[in-house]
Amino acid sequence: MKRSCNLEKNREKCSCTYEPCPRKGICCECLSYHWRMGELPACLFPPEIERTYDRSLKTFLEHYRGRV
């Protein structure tokens, strides 16, 4: 079964603050792009960290370490 992306709904929920992003609302492309760069997408970070544009795995792990 083929699924289609609900672009408008995804854009409403997207927490990425990088406005010229061509992948905004296209979650599969966003995840693929950031993973290739050794990063995670904005939606996995709290707003105060997302705004720094540091999407590194290191930053993610440092922030969430001990919260599990």
Protein backbone atom coordinates (compact mmCIF):
# COMPACT_ATOMS: atom_id res chain seq x y z
CA MET A 1 0.00 0.00 0.00
CA LYS A 2 1.39 3.37 -1.01
CA ARG A 3 1.13 6.17 1.53
CA SER A 4 1.25 9.81 0.70
CA CYS A 5 2.68 12.61 2.79
CA ASN A 6 0.21 15.06 4.29
CA LEU A 7 2.36 18.10 3.61
CA GLU A 8 0.04 20.75 5.05
CA LYS A 9 -0.54 18.84 8.28
CA ASN A 10 3.18 18.10 8.62
CA ARG A 11 4.10 21.77 8.07
CA GLU A 12 1.70 22.81 10.84
CA LYS A 13 3.49 20.51 13.29
CA CYS A 14 7.04 21.09 12.02
CA SER A 15 9.19 22.75 14.68
CA CYS A 16 12.04 23.66 12.33
CA THR A 17 12.78 27.40 12.46
CA TYR A 18 14.99 27.38 9.37
CA GLU A 19 12.49 29.06 7.04
CA PRO A 20 14.11 28.58 3.62
CA CYS A 21 14.25 24.80 4.19
CA PRO A 22 12.99 22.96 1.09
CA ARG A 23 12.23 19.85 3.18
CA LYS A 24 9.85 21.53 5.66
CA GLY A 25 6.85 19.25 6.10
CA ILE A 26 8.41 16.41 4.09
CA CYS A 27 9.50 14.36 7.06
CA CYS A 28 11.02 11.43 5.14
CA GLU A 29 13.31 13.79 3.18
CA CYS A 30 14.17 15.79 6.29
CA LEU A 31 15.15 12.72 8.28
CA SER A 32 17.16 11.31 5.39
CA TYR A 33 18.99 14.61 4.85
CA HIS A 34 19.90 15.14 8.50
CA TRP A 35 20.93 11.52 9.02
CA ARG A 36 23.34 11.77 6.05
CA MET A 37 24.82 14.84 7.74
CA GLY A 38 25.23 12.99 11.06
CA GLU A 39 22.39 14.99 12.59
CA LEU A 40 18.82 14.62 13.76
CA PRO A 41 15.84 16.73 12.62
CA ALA A 42 14.54 19.75 14.53
CA CYS A 43 11.46 17.92 15.79
CA LEU A 44 13.61 15.85 18.15
CA PHE A 45 14.96 18.88 19.99
CA PRO A 46 13.30 21.25 22.47
CA PRO A 47 12.79 24.79 21.11
CA GLU A 48 15.71 26.36 22.97
CA ILE A 49 18.17 23.92 21.41
CA GLU A 50 16.51 23.77 17.99
CA ARG A 51 16.99 27.54 17.61
CA THR A 52 20.77 27.07 17.83
CA TYR A 53 20.67 24.93 14.64
CA ASP A 54 23.05 22.49 16.34
CA ARG A 55 21.34 19.26 15.33
CA SER A 56 24.30 17.02 16.12
CA LEU A 57 23.96 13.65 17.80
CA LYS A 58 26.33 14.91 20.48
CA THR A 59 24.02 17.78 21.38
CA PHE A 60 20.99 15.48 21.36
CA LEU A 61 22.67 12.98 23.68
CA GLU A 62 24.01 15.68 26.01
CA HIS A 63 20.56 17.19 26.37
CA TYR A 64 18.67 13.93 26.93
CA ARG A 65 21.29 12.08 28.96
CA GLY A 66 19.75 11.03 32.25
CA ARG A 67 16.16 11.83 31.23
CA VAL A 68 15.18 8.26 30.40
